[in-house]
Amino acid sequence: MHPTLLKSASAVIPDTPLLINVVRQRVRQLIRGHRPLIAAPPGMGFCDVALSEVIAGKLSFEAVPGVKPDSSFAPIVTFPGAPPEKKAA
């Protein structure tokens, strides 16, 4: 992965965890045989291709409507009658 590509892609998607997930999903697709959305020279790595696609504007993201980032996880509820959790030693 080239740092210049990473820096340019982070200018397009400034949220680092979101950029990581977009690139991760695209790399999975490329590994499974999907074609690149840009003209990629031979020998270019999957991660570099995905970052180049973000820079070229071929990949983007959209927020899920009605879902707040803070409330995306359900609280963990213990099962009634379950034994109490053991404390770490």
Protein backbone atom coordinates (compact mmCIF):
# COMPACT_ATOMS: atom_id res chain seq x y z
CA MET A 1 0.00 0.00 0.00
CA HIS A 2 1.44 3.33 -1.05
CA PRO A 3 1.22 6.13 1.54
CA THR A 4 0.46 8.70 -1.17
CA LEU A 5 -2.64 6.74 -2.21
CA LEU A 6 -3.73 6.45 1.40
CA LYS A 7 -3.31 10.17 1.99
CA SER A 8 -5.26 11.05 -1.17
CA ALA A 9 -8.03 8.59 -0.34
CA SER A 10 -8.34 9.97 3.19
CA ALA A 11 -8.98 13.38 1.63
CA VAL A 12 -11.98 11.87 -0.20
CA ILE A 13 -13.30 9.89 2.80
CA PRO A 14 -12.01 11.68 5.91
CA ASP A 15 -13.44 9.20 8.43
CA THR A 16 -10.64 6.64 8.87
CA PRO A 17 -12.74 3.67 10.08
CA LEU A 18 -15.18 4.24 7.22
CA LEU A 19 -12.34 4.39 4.68
CA ILE A 20 -10.90 1.16 6.09
CA ASN A 21 -14.25 -0.62 5.74
CA VAL A 22 -14.84 0.65 2.19
CA VAL A 23 -11.38 -0.49 1.10
CA ARG A 24 -11.70 -3.80 2.98
CA GLN A 25 -14.98 -4.67 1.29
CA ARG A 26 -13.65 -3.71 -2.13
CA VAL A 27 -10.50 -5.80 -1.63
CA ARG A 28 -12.71 -8.78 -0.79
CA GLN A 29 -14.61 -8.26 -4.02
CA LEU A 30 -11.41 -7.99 -6.04
CA ILE A 31 -10.03 -11.17 -4.48
CA ARG A 32 -13.24 -12.99 -5.43
CA GLY A 33 -12.74 -12.01 -9.07
CA HIS A 34 -14.59 -8.73 -9.58
CA ARG A 35 -13.06 -6.46 -12.19
CA PRO A 36 -11.40 -3.18 -11.21
CA LEU A 37 -13.41 -0.02 -11.88
CA ILE A 38 -10.26 1.76 -13.09
CA ALA A 39 -7.47 0.85 -15.48
CA ALA A 40 -5.02 -0.88 -13.16
CA PRO A 41 -1.50 -1.68 -14.31
CA PRO A 42 -0.36 -5.28 -13.93
CA GLY A 43 1.19 -6.06 -10.57
CA MET A 44 -0.79 -3.42 -8.67
CA GLY A 45 -2.03 -4.80 -5.36
CA PHE A 46 -5.71 -5.15 -4.50
CA CYS A 47 -5.48 -2.54 -1.76
CA ASP A 48 -3.85 -0.05 -4.11
CA VAL A 49 -6.56 -0.68 -6.69
CA ALA A 50 -9.28 -0.09 -4.08
CA LEU A 51 -7.62 3.12 -2.86
CA SER A 52 -7.24 4.32 -6.46
CA GLU A 53 -10.94 3.66 -7.05
CA VAL A 54 -11.80 5.79 -4.01
CA ILE A 55 -9.54 8.59 -5.25
CA ALA A 56 -11.08 8.42 -8.76
CA GLY A 57 -14.57 8.73 -7.27
CA LYS A 58 -15.65 5.27 -8.41
CA LEU A 59 -16.28 4.10 -4.83
CA SER A 60 -18.35 5.98 -2.31
CA PHE A 61 -20.53 5.29 0.69
CA GLU A 62 -23.92 6.27 1.94
CA ALA A 63 -25.22 6.41 5.46
CA VAL A 64 -28.07 4.16 6.47
CA PRO A 65 -31.11 6.38 7.09
CA GLY A 66 -32.58 6.29 10.58
CA VAL A 67 -29.59 4.61 12.24
CA LYS A 68 -27.61 6.62 14.73
CA PRO A 69 -23.94 5.65 15.16
CA ASP A 70 -24.24 5.56 18.96
CA SER A 71 -27.33 3.34 19.07
CA SER A 72 -26.24 0.74 16.52
CA PHE A 73 -25.48 -1.92 19.11
CA ALA A 74 -28.06 -3.59 21.28
CA PRO A 75 -27.25 -3.84 24.98
CA ILE A 76 -26.14 -7.23 26.30
CA VAL A 77 -28.81 -8.78 28.48
CA THR A 78 -28.08 -11.71 30.75
CA PHE A 79 -30.34 -14.72 30.53
CA PRO A 80 -32.66 -15.09 33.55
CA GLY A 81 -31.43 -17.75 35.91
CA ALA A 82 -27.92 -17.76 34.49
CA PRO A 83 -25.07 -18.14 36.94
CA PRO A 84 -23.32 -14.90 37.85
CA GLU A 85 -20.27 -14.01 35.82
CA LYS A 86 -16.91 -14.95 37.27
CA LYS A 87 -14.50 -12.16 38.00
CA ALA A 88 -11.06 -12.21 36.45
CA ALA A 89 -8.28 -13.46 38.67
